[in-house]
Amino acid sequence: MAALLFYLLLLTLVTHWPHWEGIPSPPRFEFWDKVVHFTAYAILAYLVSWRWAPDTSERWGSWGIWAALAIISWGVFDELTQPYFNRTCDPYDLLADALGTCTGLAIYQVRHIGTGEKT
């Protein structure tokens, strides 16, 4: 639980840290930001699954849908509050968040459901 809360706090801080003019940033390719969003939310979804997912595939379906909706809702909140911190609200960031969420949930399910493992 502590790892999940720490990651969520870190994710929120990083996505709300203001952009400051004049500070150089490392070179990036065109869609770097979307890759970061996708990866960050895939990790978040995996951590949420690791903490709360049911151990059987019979119960996974409805839990997975609710987990996806909750994590994507957090992504919506994250995007909508960024303009208050000199950041931009980008619907493509939200799309990357949603795709990352679904990917993280799917990876967890493939790796752990039915095995009884939480590691």
PDB file of N, CA and C in Angstrom:
ATOM      1  N   MET A   1       0.829  -1.197   0.000  1.00  0.00           N
ATOM      2  CA  MET A   1       0.000   0.000   0.000  1.00  0.00           C
ATOM      3  C   MET A   1       0.868   1.253   0.000  1.00  0.00           C
ATOM      4  N   ALA A   2       1.961   1.212   0.753  1.00  0.00           N
ATOM      5  CA  ALA A   2       2.839   2.376   0.834  1.00  0.00           C
ATOM      6  C   ALA A   2       3.450   2.698  -0.529  1.00  0.00           C
ATOM      7  N   ALA A   3       3.829   1.657  -1.284  1.00  0.00           N
ATOM      8  CA  ALA A   3       4.419   1.884  -2.611  1.00  0.00           C
ATOM      9  C   ALA A   3       3.410   2.556  -3.535  1.00  0.00           C
ATOM     10  N   LEU A   4       2.171   2.112  -3.481  1.00  0.00           N
ATOM     11  CA  LEU A   4       1.122   2.692  -4.318  1.00  0.00           C
ATOM     12  C   LEU A   4       0.878   4.156  -3.952  1.00  0.00           C
ATOM     13  N   LEU A   5       0.759   4.440  -2.677  1.00  0.00           N
ATOM     14  CA  LEU A   5       0.529   5.825  -2.245  1.00  0.00           C
ATOM     15  C   LEU A   5       1.712   6.729  -2.587  1.00  0.00           C
ATOM     16  N   PHE A   6       2.923   6.221  -2.399  1.00  0.00           N
ATOM     17  CA  PHE A   6       4.113   6.996  -2.753  1.00  0.00           C
ATOM     18  C   PHE A   6       4.124   7.288  -4.247  1.00  0.00           C
ATOM     19  N   TYR A   7       3.830   6.278  -5.069  1.00  0.00           N
ATOM     20  CA  TYR A   7       3.828   6.464  -6.518  1.00  0.00           C
ATOM     21  C   TYR A   7       2.747   7.449  -6.945  1.00  0.00           C
ATOM     22  N   LEU A   8       1.567   7.353  -6.369  1.00  0.00           N
ATOM     23  CA  LEU A   8       0.480   8.276  -6.717  1.00  0.00           C
ATOM     24  C   LEU A   8       0.842   9.713  -6.341  1.00  0.00           C
ATOM     25  N   LEU A   9       1.438   9.897  -5.180  1.00  0.00           N
ATOM     26  CA  LEU A   9       1.890  11.224  -4.763  1.00  0.00           C
ATOM     27  C   LEU A   9       2.969  11.757  -5.712  1.00  0.00           C
ATOM     28  N   LEU A  10       3.936  10.913  -6.034  1.00  0.00           N
ATOM     29  CA  LEU A  10       5.003  11.319  -6.948  1.00  0.00           C
ATOM     30  C   LEU A  10       4.441  11.667  -8.326  1.00  0.00           C
ATOM     31  N   LEU A  11       3.545  10.857  -8.829  1.00  0.00           N
ATOM     32  CA  LEU A  11       2.920  11.105 -10.128  1.00  0.00           C
ATOM     33  C   LEU A  11       2.171  12.434 -10.126  1.00  0.00           C
ATOM     34  N   THR A  12       1.432  12.704  -9.071  1.00  0.00           N
ATOM     35  CA  THR A  12       0.677  13.958  -8.969  1.00  0.00           C
ATOM     36  C   THR A  12       1.622  15.154  -8.900  1.00  0.00           C
ATOM     37  N   LEU A  13       2.679  15.048  -8.133  1.00  0.00           N
ATOM     38  CA  LEU A  13       3.646  16.146  -8.051  1.00  0.00           C
ATOM     39  C   LEU A  13       4.312  16.419  -9.395  1.00  0.00           C
ATOM     40  N   VAL A  14       4.732  15.373 -10.066  1.00  0.00           N
ATOM     41  CA  VAL A  14       5.427  15.532 -11.342  1.00  0.00           C
ATOM     42  C   VAL A  14       4.499  16.131 -12.403  1.00  0.00           C
ATOM     43  N   THR A  15       3.253  15.700 -12.424  1.00  0.00           N
ATOM     44  CA  THR A  15       2.342  16.210 -13.453  1.00  0.00           C
ATOM     45  C   THR A  15       1.824  17.613 -13.163  1.00  0.00           C
ATOM     46  N   HIS A  16       2.036  18.082 -11.949  1.00  0.00           N
ATOM     47  CA  HIS A  16       1.575  19.426 -11.596  1.00  0.00           C
ATOM     48  C   HIS A  16       2.710  20.417 -11.361  1.00  0.00           C
ATOM     49  N   TRP A  17       3.946  19.955 -11.486  1.00  0.00           N
ATOM     50  CA  TRP A  17       5.084  20.854 -11.314  1.00  0.00           C
ATOM     51  C   TRP A  17       5.080  21.868 -12.451  1.00  0.00           C
ATOM     52  N   PRO A  18       5.109  23.158 -12.142  1.00  0.00           N
ATOM     53  CA  PRO A  18       5.017  24.173 -13.206  1.00  0.00           C
ATOM     54  C   PRO A  18       6.207  24.128 -14.158  1.00  0.00           C
ATOM     55  N   HIS A  19       5.919  24.467 -15.415  1.00  0.00           N
ATOM     56  CA  HIS A  19       6.994  24.649 -16.402  1.00  0.00           C
ATOM     57  C   HIS A  19       7.583  26.027 -16.178  1.00  0.00           C
ATOM     58  N   TRP A  20       8.870  26.095 -16.094  1.00  0.00           N
ATOM     59  CA  TRP A  20       9.524  27.381 -15.935  1.00  0.00           C
ATOM     60  C   TRP A  20      10.306  27.707 -17.189  1.00  0.00           C
ATOM     61  N   GLU A  21      10.067  28.890 -17.697  1.00  0.00           N
ATOM     62  CA  GLU A  21      10.770  29.346 -18.889  1.00  0.00           C
ATOM     63  C   GLU A  21      12.253  29.501 -18.577  1.00  0.00           C
ATOM     64  N   GLY A  22      13.072  29.203 -19.550  1.00  0.00           N
ATOM     65  CA  GLY A  22      14.502  29.395 -19.394  1.00  0.00           C
ATOM     66  C   GLY A  22      15.239  28.188 -18.854  1.00  0.00           C
ATOM     67  N   ILE A  23      14.516  27.187 -18.355  1.00  0.00           N
ATOM     68  CA  ILE A  23      15.179  25.979 -17.872  1.00  0.00           C
ATOM     69  C   ILE A  23      15.266  24.999 -19.035  1.00  0.00           C
ATOM     70  N   PRO A  24      16.500  24.638 -19.431  1.00  0.00           N
ATOM     71  CA  PRO A  24      16.634  23.724 -20.573  1.00  0.00           C
ATOM     72  C   PRO A  24      16.129  22.332 -20.227  1.00  0.00           C
ATOM     73  N   SER A  25      15.579  21.660 -21.206  1.00  0.00           N
ATOM     74  CA  SER A  25      15.131  20.288 -21.015  1.00  0.00           C
ATOM     75  C   SER A  25      15.900  19.388 -21.980  1.00  0.00           C
ATOM     76  N   PRO A  26      16.005  18.125 -21.660  1.00  0.00           N
ATOM     77  CA  PRO A  26      16.750  17.221 -22.546  1.00  0.00           C
ATOM     78  C   PRO A  26      16.039  17.057 -23.881  1.00  0.00           C
ATOM     79  N   PRO A  27      16.793  16.727 -24.933  1.00  0.00           N
ATOM     80  CA  PRO A  27      16.149  16.527 -26.239  1.00  0.00           C
ATOM     81  C   PRO A  27      15.165  15.369 -26.192  1.00  0.00           C
ATOM     82  N   ARG A  28      14.059  15.545 -26.875  1.00  0.00           N
ATOM     83  CA  ARG A  28      13.011  14.527 -26.866  1.00  0.00           C
ATOM     84  C   ARG A  28      12.481  14.349 -28.276  1.00  0.00           C
ATOM     85  N   PHE A  29      11.877  13.188 -28.528  1.00  0.00           N
ATOM     86  CA  PHE A  29      11.215  13.002 -29.805  1.00  0.00           C
ATOM     87  C   PHE A  29       9.784  13.517 -29.710  1.00  0.00           C
ATOM     88  N   GLU A  30       9.103  13.563 -30.832  1.00  0.00           N
ATOM     89  CA  GLU A  30       7.814  14.259 -30.929  1.00  0.00           C
ATOM     90  C   GLU A  30       6.762  13.806 -29.913  1.00  0.00           C
ATOM     91  N   PHE A  31       6.653  12.520 -29.676  1.00  0.00           N
ATOM     92  CA  PHE A  31       5.591  12.027 -28.797  1.00  0.00           C
ATOM     93  C   PHE A  31       6.116  11.568 -27.447  1.00  0.00           C
ATOM     94  N   TRP A  32       7.230  12.085 -27.016  1.00  0.00           N
ATOM     95  CA  TRP A  32       7.843  11.705 -25.739  1.00  0.00           C
ATOM     96  C   TRP A  32       6.844  11.828 -24.583  1.00  0.00           C
ATOM     97  N   ASP A  33       6.131  12.928 -24.544  1.00  0.00           N
ATOM     98  CA  ASP A  33       5.183  13.180 -23.460  1.00  0.00           C
ATOM     99  C   ASP A  33       4.122  12.078 -23.383  1.00  0.00           C
ATOM    100  N   LYS A  34       3.658  11.618 -24.534  1.00  0.00           N
ATOM    101  CA  LYS A  34       2.617  10.579 -24.548  1.00  0.00           C
ATOM    102  C   LYS A  34       3.178   9.240 -24.065  1.00  0.00           C
ATOM    103  N   VAL A  35       4.420   8.960 -24.397  1.00  0.00           N
ATOM    104  CA  VAL A  35       5.064   7.727 -23.919  1.00  0.00           C
ATOM    105  C   VAL A  35       5.191   7.763 -22.400  1.00  0.00           C
ATOM    106  N   VAL A  36       5.551   8.929 -21.873  1.00  0.00           N
ATOM    107  CA  VAL A  36       5.673   9.085 -20.421  1.00  0.00           C
ATOM    108  C   VAL A  36       4.313   8.894 -19.748  1.00  0.00           C
ATOM    109  N   HIS A  37       3.268   9.506 -20.290  1.00  0.00           N
ATOM    110  CA  HIS A  37       1.919   9.340 -19.727  1.00  0.00           C
ATOM    111  C   HIS A  37       1.489   7.874 -19.774  1.00  0.00           C
ATOM    112  N   PHE A  38       1.675   7.240 -20.918  1.00  0.00           N
ATOM    113  CA  PHE A  38       1.303   5.834 -21.085  1.00  0.00           C
ATOM    114  C   PHE A  38       2.008   4.973 -20.046  1.00  0.00           C
ATOM    115  N   THR A  39       3.313   5.139 -19.927  1.00  0.00           N
ATOM    116  CA  THR A  39       4.111   4.328 -19.007  1.00  0.00           C
ATOM    117  C   THR A  39       3.725   4.593 -17.551  1.00  0.00           C
ATOM    118  N   ALA A  40       3.557   5.859 -17.206  1.00  0.00           N
ATOM    119  CA  ALA A  40       3.210   6.213 -15.821  1.00  0.00           C
ATOM    120  C   ALA A  40       1.880   5.593 -15.413  1.00  0.00           C
ATOM    121  N   TYR A  41       0.889   5.620 -16.276  1.00  0.00           N
ATOM    122  CA  TYR A  41      -0.415   5.068 -15.923  1.00  0.00           C
ATOM    123  C   TYR A  41      -0.448   3.545 -16.021  1.00  0.00           C
ATOM    124  N   ALA A  42       0.396   2.958 -16.862  1.00  0.00           N
ATOM    125  CA  ALA A  42       0.519   1.496 -16.873  1.00  0.00           C
ATOM    126  C   ALA A  42       1.087   1.022 -15.537  1.00  0.00           C
ATOM    127  N   ILE A  43       2.093   1.723 -15.026  1.00  0.00           N
ATOM    128  CA  ILE A  43       2.668   1.381 -13.724  1.00  0.00           C
ATOM    129  C   ILE A  43       1.634   1.580 -12.626  1.00  0.00           C
ATOM    130  N   LEU A  44       0.902   2.688 -12.671  1.00  0.00           N
ATOM    131  CA  LEU A  44      -0.137   2.939 -11.668  1.00  0.00           C
ATOM    132  C   LEU A  44      -1.182   1.827 -11.671  1.00  0.00           C
ATOM    133  N   ALA A  45      -1.640   1.427 -12.843  1.00  0.00           N
ATOM    134  CA  ALA A  45      -2.648   0.366 -12.933  1.00  0.00           C
ATOM    135  C   ALA A  45      -2.100  -0.962 -12.414  1.00  0.00           C
ATOM    136  N   TYR A  46      -0.857  -1.240 -12.712  1.00  0.00           N
ATOM    137  CA  TYR A  46      -0.239  -2.473 -12.217  1.00  0.00           C
ATOM    138  C   TYR A  46      -0.162  -2.456 -10.693  1.00  0.00           C
ATOM    139  N   LEU A  47       0.244  -1.318 -10.126  1.00  0.00           N
ATOM    140  CA  LEU A  47       0.326  -1.211  -8.668  1.00  0.00           C
ATOM    141  C   LEU A  47      -1.050  -1.335  -8.009  1.00  0.00           C
ATOM    142  N   VAL A  48      -2.063  -0.721  -8.608  1.00  0.00           N
ATOM    143  CA  VAL A  48      -3.429  -0.844  -8.080  1.00  0.00           C
ATOM    144  C   VAL A  48      -3.868  -2.313  -8.126  1.00  0.00           C
ATOM    145  N   SER A  49      -3.563  -2.981  -9.218  1.00  0.00           N
ATOM    146  CA  SER A  49      -3.920  -4.397  -9.339  1.00  0.00           C
ATOM    147  C   SER A  49      -3.171  -5.241  -8.316  1.00  0.00           C
ATOM    148  N   TRP A  50      -1.898  -4.955  -8.159  1.00  0.00           N
ATOM    149  CA  TRP A  50      -1.072  -5.706  -7.213  1.00  0.00           C
ATOM    150  C   TRP A  50      -1.642  -5.589  -5.804  1.00  0.00           C
ATOM    151  N   ARG A  51      -2.204  -4.427  -5.500  1.00  0.00           N
ATOM    152  CA  ARG A  51      -2.738  -4.201  -4.145  1.00  0.00           C
ATOM    153  C   ARG A  51      -4.145  -4.767  -3.966  1.00  0.00           C
ATOM    154  N   TRP A  52      -5.019  -4.612  -4.964  1.00  0.00           N
ATOM    155  CA  TRP A  52      -6.441  -4.902  -4.746  1.00  0.00           C
ATOM    156  C   TRP A  52      -7.091  -5.906  -5.683  1.00  0.00           C
ATOM    157  N   ALA A  53      -6.419  -6.399  -6.667  1.00  0.00           N
ATOM    158  CA  ALA A  53      -7.073  -7.288  -7.638  1.00  0.00           C
ATOM    159  C   ALA A  53      -7.493  -8.603  -6.994  1.00  0.00           C
ATOM    160  N   PRO A  54      -8.623  -9.147  -7.443  1.00  0.00           N
ATOM    161  CA  PRO A  54      -9.027 -10.470  -6.957  1.00  0.00           C
ATOM    162  C   PRO A  54      -8.076 -11.534  -7.504  1.00  0.00           C
ATOM    163  N   ASP A  55      -8.024 -12.657  -6.830  1.00  0.00           N
ATOM    164  CA  ASP A  55      -7.095 -13.718  -7.220  1.00  0.00           C
ATOM    165  C   ASP A  55      -7.644 -14.667  -8.279  1.00  0.00           C
ATOM    166  N   THR A  56      -8.907 -14.534  -8.622  1.00  0.00           N
ATOM    167  CA  THR A  56      -9.492 -15.465  -9.587  1.00  0.00           C
ATOM    168  C   THR A  56      -9.998 -14.716 -10.814  1.00  0.00           C
ATOM    169  N   SER A  57      -9.934 -15.393 -11.931  1.00  0.00           N
ATOM    170  CA  SER A  57     -10.377 -14.769 -13.178  1.00  0.00           C
ATOM    171  C   SER A  57     -11.887 -14.563 -13.206  1.00  0.00           C
ATOM    172  N   GLU A  58     -12.639 -15.358 -12.419  1.00  0.00           N
ATOM    173  CA  GLU A  58     -14.097 -15.198 -12.410  1.00  0.00           C
ATOM    174  C   GLU A  58     -14.503 -13.819 -11.896  1.00  0.00           C
ATOM    175  N   ARG A  59     -13.757 -13.284 -10.949  1.00  0.00           N
ATOM    176  CA  ARG A  59     -14.093 -11.977 -10.368  1.00  0.00           C
ATOM    177  C   ARG A  59     -13.329 -10.834 -11.029  1.00  0.00           C
ATOM    178  N   TRP A  60     -12.431 -11.145 -11.927  1.00  0.00           N
ATOM    179  CA  TRP A  60     -11.572 -10.111 -12.511  1.00  0.00           C
ATOM    180  C   TRP A  60     -12.350  -9.145 -13.393  1.00  0.00           C
ATOM    181  N   GLY A  61     -13.298  -9.618 -14.182  1.00  0.00           N
ATOM    182  CA  GLY A  61     -13.989  -8.800 -15.177  1.00  0.00           C
ATOM    183  C   GLY A  61     -14.566  -7.507 -14.634  1.00  0.00           C
ATOM    184  N   SER A  62     -15.480  -7.610 -13.679  1.00  0.00           N
ATOM    185  CA  SER A  62     -16.090  -6.388 -13.151  1.00  0.00           C
ATOM    186  C   SER A  62     -15.073  -5.569 -12.364  1.00  0.00           C
ATOM    187  N   TRP A  63     -14.169  -6.229 -11.631  1.00  0.00           N
ATOM    188  CA  TRP A  63     -13.147  -5.487 -10.892  1.00  0.00           C
ATOM    189  C   TRP A  63     -12.257  -4.699 -11.854  1.00  0.00           C
ATOM    190  N   GLY A  64     -11.860  -5.324 -12.956  1.00  0.00           N
ATOM    191  CA  GLY A  64     -10.996  -4.653 -13.935  1.00  0.00           C
ATOM    192  C   GLY A  64     -11.657  -3.425 -14.545  1.00  0.00           C
ATOM    193  N   ILE A  65     -12.944  -3.528 -14.816  1.00  0.00           N
ATOM    194  CA  ILE A  65     -13.671  -2.379 -15.380  1.00  0.00           C
ATOM    195  C   ILE A  65     -13.720  -1.239 -14.362  1.00  0.00           C
ATOM    196  N   TRP A  66     -14.064  -1.560 -13.116  1.00  0.00           N
ATOM    197  CA  TRP A  66     -14.123  -0.517 -12.086  1.00  0.00           C
ATOM    198  C   TRP A  66     -12.749   0.083 -11.809  1.00  0.00           C
ATOM    199  N   ALA A  67     -11.719  -0.754 -11.807  1.00  0.00           N
ATOM    200  CA  ALA A  67     -10.360  -0.251 -11.599  1.00  0.00           C
ATOM    201  C   ALA A  67      -9.961   0.682 -12.738  1.00  0.00           C
ATOM    202  N   ALA A  68     -10.256   0.287 -13.974  1.00  0.00           N
ATOM    203  CA  ALA A  68      -9.932   1.134 -15.127  1.00  0.00           C
ATOM    204  C   ALA A  68     -10.664   2.469 -15.040  1.00  0.00           C
ATOM    205  N   LEU A  69     -11.949   2.425 -14.700  1.00  0.00           N
ATOM    206  CA  LEU A  69     -12.716   3.669 -14.579  1.00  0.00           C
ATOM    207  C   LEU A  69     -12.159   4.574 -13.480  1.00  0.00           C
ATOM    208  N   ALA A  70     -11.766   3.987 -12.360  1.00  0.00           N
ATOM    209  CA  ALA A  70     -11.217   4.787 -11.252  1.00  0.00           C
ATOM    210  C   ALA A  70      -9.890   5.423 -11.641  1.00  0.00           C
ATOM    211  N   ILE A  71      -9.009   4.655 -12.262  1.00  0.00           N
ATOM    212  CA  ILE A  71      -7.686   5.186 -12.635  1.00  0.00           C
ATOM    213  C   ILE A  71      -7.822   6.223 -13.749  1.00  0.00           C
ATOM    214  N   ILE A  72      -8.664   5.956 -14.712  1.00  0.00           N
ATOM    215  CA  ILE A  72      -8.874   6.929 -15.795  1.00  0.00           C
ATOM    216  C   ILE A  72      -9.528   8.193 -15.240  1.00  0.00           C
ATOM    217  N   SER A  73     -10.420   8.047 -14.270  1.00  0.00           N
ATOM    218  CA  SER A  73     -11.009   9.232 -13.624  1.00  0.00           C
ATOM    219  C   SER A  73      -9.932  10.058 -12.935  1.00  0.00           C
ATOM    220  N   TRP A  74      -8.977   9.388 -12.322  1.00  0.00           N
ATOM    221  CA  TRP A  74      -7.853  10.121 -11.732  1.00  0.00           C
ATOM    222  C   TRP A  74      -7.089  10.873 -12.828  1.00  0.00           C
ATOM    223  N   GLY A  75      -6.928  10.239 -13.984  1.00  0.00           N
ATOM    224  CA  GLY A  75      -6.265  10.901 -15.115  1.00  0.00           C
ATOM    225  C   GLY A  75      -7.026  12.134 -15.574  1.00  0.00           C
ATOM    226  N   VAL A  76      -8.349  12.051 -15.602  1.00  0.00           N
ATOM    227  CA  VAL A  76      -9.170  13.217 -15.963  1.00  0.00           C
ATOM    228  C   VAL A  76      -8.957  14.336 -14.949  1.00  0.00           C
ATOM    229  N   PHE A  77      -9.030  14.000 -13.665  1.00  0.00           N
ATOM    230  CA  PHE A  77      -8.787  14.990 -12.619  1.00  0.00           C
ATOM    231  C   PHE A  77      -7.395  15.605 -12.775  1.00  0.00           C
ATOM    232  N   ASP A  78      -6.418  14.770 -13.018  1.00  0.00           N
ATOM    233  CA  ASP A  78      -5.034  15.220 -13.202  1.00  0.00           C
ATOM    234  C   ASP A  78      -4.928  16.225 -14.353  1.00  0.00           C
ATOM    235  N   GLU A  79      -5.513  15.891 -15.475  1.00  0.00           N
ATOM    236  CA  GLU A  79      -5.443  16.787 -16.637  1.00  0.00           C
ATOM    237  C   GLU A  79      -6.214  18.092 -16.401  1.00  0.00           C
ATOM    238  N   LEU A  80      -7.390  17.991 -15.804  1.00  0.00           N
ATOM    239  CA  LEU A  80      -8.214  19.191 -15.609  1.00  0.00           C
ATOM    240  C   LEU A  80      -7.624  20.155 -14.578  1.00  0.00           C
ATOM    241  N   THR A  81      -6.819  19.670 -13.661  1.00  0.00           N
ATOM    242  CA  THR A  81      -6.230  20.553 -12.649  1.00  0.00           C
ATOM    243  C   THR A  81      -4.868  21.106 -13.065  1.00  0.00           C
ATOM    244  N   GLN A  82      -4.269  20.594 -14.106  1.00  0.00           N
ATOM    245  CA  GLN A  82      -2.947  21.068 -14.521  1.00  0.00           C
ATOM    246  C   GLN A  82      -2.909  22.540 -14.928  1.00  0.00           C
ATOM    247  N   PRO A  83      -3.929  23.095 -15.577  1.00  0.00           N
ATOM    248  CA  PRO A  83      -3.857  24.521 -15.929  1.00  0.00           C
ATOM    249  C   PRO A  83      -3.683  25.451 -14.721  1.00  0.00           C
ATOM    250  N   TYR A  84      -4.096  25.015 -13.546  1.00  0.00           N
ATOM    251  CA  TYR A  84      -3.915  25.836 -12.346  1.00  0.00           C
ATOM    252  C   TYR A  84      -2.453  25.899 -11.901  1.00  0.00           C
ATOM    253  N   PHE A  85      -1.613  25.064 -12.518  1.00  0.00           N
ATOM    254  CA  PHE A  85      -0.203  24.993 -12.155  1.00  0.00           C
ATOM    255  C   PHE A  85       0.698  25.324 -13.347  1.00  0.00           C
ATOM    256  N   ASN A  86       0.189  26.166 -14.246  1.00  0.00           N
ATOM    257  CA  ASN A  86       0.941  26.594 -15.425  1.00  0.00           C
ATOM    258  C   ASN A  86       1.299  25.412 -16.329  1.00  0.00           C
ATOM    259  N   ARG A  87       0.411  24.430 -16.420  1.00  0.00           N
ATOM    260  CA  ARG A  87       0.561  23.279 -17.300  1.00  0.00           C
ATOM    261  C   ARG A  87      -0.619  23.287 -18.261  1.00  0.00           C
ATOM    262  N   THR A  88      -0.575  22.437 -19.257  1.00  0.00           N
ATOM    263  CA  THR A  88      -1.671  22.387 -20.217  1.00  0.00           C
ATOM    264  C   THR A  88      -2.506  21.128 -20.019  1.00  0.00           C
ATOM    265  N   CYS A  89      -3.779  21.259 -20.310  1.00  0.00           N
ATOM    266  CA  CYS A  89      -4.704  20.132 -20.295  1.00  0.00           C
ATOM    267  C   CYS A  89      -4.787  19.611 -21.728  1.00  0.00           C
ATOM    268  N   ASP A  90      -4.297  18.410 -21.949  1.00  0.00           N
ATOM    269  CA  ASP A  90      -4.216  17.850 -23.299  1.00  0.00           C
ATOM    270  C   ASP A  90      -5.034  16.563 -23.372  1.00  0.00           C
ATOM    271  N   PRO A  91      -6.055  16.524 -24.232  1.00  0.00           N
ATOM    272  CA  PRO A  91      -6.859  15.306 -24.324  1.00  0.00           C
ATOM    273  C   PRO A  91      -6.047  14.103 -24.810  1.00  0.00           C
ATOM    274  N   TYR A  92      -4.978  14.335 -25.565  1.00  0.00           N
ATOM    275  CA  TYR A  92      -4.138  13.227 -26.006  1.00  0.00           C
ATOM    276  C   TYR A  92      -3.333  12.647 -24.846  1.00  0.00           C
ATOM    277  N   ASP A  93      -3.020  13.477 -23.851  1.00  0.00           N
ATOM    278  CA  ASP A  93      -2.400  12.951 -22.634  1.00  0.00           C
ATOM    279  C   ASP A  93      -3.373  12.009 -21.934  1.00  0.00           C
ATOM    280  N   LEU A  94      -4.633  12.398 -21.875  1.00  0.00           N
ATOM    281  CA  LEU A  94      -5.652  11.552 -21.252  1.00  0.00           C
ATOM    282  C   LEU A  94      -5.818  10.241 -22.021  1.00  0.00           C
ATOM    283  N   LEU A  95      -5.760  10.308 -23.341  1.00  0.00           N
ATOM    284  CA  LEU A  95      -5.830   9.086 -24.144  1.00  0.00           C
ATOM    285  C   LEU A  95      -4.646   8.169 -23.817  1.00  0.00           C
ATOM    286  N   ALA A  96      -3.453   8.745 -23.709  1.00  0.00           N
ATOM    287  CA  ALA A  96      -2.275   7.948 -23.345  1.00  0.00           C
ATOM    288  C   ALA A  96      -2.432   7.367 -21.941  1.00  0.00           C
ATOM    289  N   ASP A  97      -3.005   8.147 -21.023  1.00  0.00           N
ATOM    290  CA  ASP A  97      -3.264   7.656 -19.665  1.00  0.00           C
ATOM    291  C   ASP A  97      -4.207   6.444 -19.713  1.00  0.00           C
ATOM    292  N   ALA A  98      -5.280   6.556 -20.485  1.00  0.00           N
ATOM    293  CA  ALA A  98      -6.275   5.480 -20.575  1.00  0.00           C
ATOM    294  C   ALA A  98      -5.677   4.224 -21.206  1.00  0.00           C
ATOM    295  N   LEU A  99      -4.904   4.389 -22.264  1.00  0.00           N
ATOM    296  CA  LEU A  99      -4.277   3.233 -22.907  1.00  0.00           C
ATOM    297  C   LEU A  99      -3.250   2.583 -21.980  1.00  0.00           C
ATOM    298  N   GLY A 100      -2.506   3.402 -21.264  1.00  0.00           N
ATOM    299  CA  GLY A 100      -1.548   2.871 -20.293  1.00  0.00           C
ATOM    300  C   GLY A 100      -2.251   2.124 -19.175  1.00  0.00           C
ATOM    301  N   THR A 101      -3.370   2.663 -18.709  1.00  0.00           N
ATOM    302  CA  THR A 101      -4.158   2.012 -17.666  1.00  0.00           C
ATOM    303  C   THR A 101      -4.608   0.626 -18.121  1.00  0.00           C
ATOM    304  N   CYS A 102      -5.191   0.549 -19.285  1.00  0.00           N
ATOM    305  CA  CYS A 102      -5.674  -0.742 -19.799  1.00  0.00           C
ATOM    306  C   CYS A 102      -4.518  -1.720 -19.993  1.00  0.00           C
ATOM    307  N   THR A 103      -3.384  -1.221 -20.444  1.00  0.00           N
ATOM    308  CA  THR A 103      -2.215  -2.079 -20.645  1.00  0.00           C
ATOM    309  C   THR A 103      -1.691  -2.605 -19.307  1.00  0.00           C
ATOM    310  N   GLY A 104      -1.576  -1.731 -18.304  1.00  0.00           N
ATOM    311  CA  GLY A 104      -1.109  -2.158 -16.985  1.00  0.00           C
ATOM    312  C   GLY A 104      -2.022  -3.190 -16.358  1.00  0.00           C
ATOM    313  N   LEU A 105      -3.338  -2.990 -16.487  1.00  0.00           N
ATOM    314  CA  LEU A 105      -4.300  -3.964 -15.960  1.00  0.00           C
ATOM    315  C   LEU A 105      -4.181  -5.297 -16.701  1.00  0.00           C
ATOM    316  N   ALA A 106      -4.026  -5.238 -18.018  1.00  0.00           N
ATOM    317  CA  ALA A 106      -3.910  -6.466 -18.818  1.00  0.00           C
ATOM    318  C   ALA A 106      -2.626  -7.229 -18.484  1.00  0.00           C
ATOM    319  N   ILE A 107      -1.526  -6.510 -18.325  1.00  0.00           N
ATOM    320  CA  ILE A 107      -0.264  -7.175 -17.977  1.00  0.00           C
ATOM    321  C   ILE A 107      -0.394  -7.872 -16.627  1.00  0.00           C
ATOM    322  N   TYR A 108      -1.000  -7.190 -15.674  1.00  0.00           N
ATOM    323  CA  TYR A 108      -1.181  -7.821 -14.364  1.00  0.00           C
ATOM    324  C   TYR A 108      -2.037  -9.078 -14.489  1.00  0.00           C
ATOM    325  N   GLN A 109      -3.123  -8.970 -15.216  1.00  0.00           N
ATOM    326  CA  GLN A 109      -4.026 -10.109 -15.335  1.00  0.00           C
ATOM    327  C   GLN A 109      -3.318 -11.300 -15.982  1.00  0.00           C
ATOM    328  N   VAL A 110      -2.601 -11.063 -17.051  1.00  0.00           N
ATOM    329  CA  VAL A 110      -1.910 -12.140 -17.746  1.00  0.00           C
ATOM    330  C   VAL A 110      -0.854 -12.787 -16.849  1.00  0.00           C
ATOM    331  N   ARG A 111      -0.172 -11.985 -16.078  1.00  0.00           N
ATOM    332  CA  ARG A 111       0.926 -12.503 -15.237  1.00  0.00           C
ATOM    333  C   ARG A 111       0.460 -13.154 -13.946  1.00  0.00           C
ATOM    334  N   HIS A 112      -0.655 -12.696 -13.358  1.00  0.00           N
ATOM    335  CA  HIS A 112      -0.976 -13.117 -11.999  1.00  0.00           C
ATOM    336  C   HIS A 112      -2.314 -13.795 -11.779  1.00  0.00           C
ATOM    337  N   ILE A 113      -3.298 -13.527 -12.548  1.00  0.00           N
ATOM    338  CA  ILE A 113      -4.618 -14.076 -12.256  1.00  0.00           C
ATOM    339  C   ILE A 113      -4.598 -15.590 -12.459  1.00  0.00           C
ATOM    340  N   GLY A 114      -5.098 -16.274 -11.465  1.00  0.00           N
ATOM    341  CA  GLY A 114      -5.134 -17.722 -11.506  1.00  0.00           C
ATOM    342  C   GLY A 114      -3.904 -18.365 -10.880  1.00  0.00           C
ATOM    343  N   THR A 115      -2.812 -17.624 -10.719  1.00  0.00           N
ATOM    344  CA  THR A 115      -1.609 -18.188 -10.111  1.00  0.00           C
ATOM    345  C   THR A 115      -1.625 -18.034  -8.609  1.00  0.00           C
ATOM    346  N   GLY A 116      -2.428 -17.083  -8.112  1.00  0.00           N
ATOM    347  CA  GLY A 116      -2.458 -16.814  -6.670  1.00  0.00           C
ATOM    348  C   GLY A 116      -1.286 -15.986  -6.194  1.00  0.00           C
ATOM    349  N   GLU A 117      -0.418 -15.567  -7.108  1.00  0.00           N
ATOM    350  CA  GLU A 117       0.756 -14.766  -6.741  1.00  0.00           C
ATOM    351  C   GLU A 117       0.412 -13.289  -6.722  1.00  0.00           C
ATOM    352  N   LYS A 118       1.031 -12.556  -5.826  1.00  0.00           N
ATOM    353  CA  LYS A 118       0.884 -11.104  -5.775  1.00  0.00           C
ATOM    354  C   LYS A 118       2.248 -10.450  -5.911  1.00  0.00           C
ATOM    355  N   THR A 119       3.244 -11.182  -6.372  1.00  0.00           N
ATOM    356  CA  THR A 119       4.595 -10.631  -6.506  1.00  0.00           C
ATOM    357  C   THR A 119       4.934 -10.335  -7.931  1.00  0.00           C
TER     358      THR A 119
END
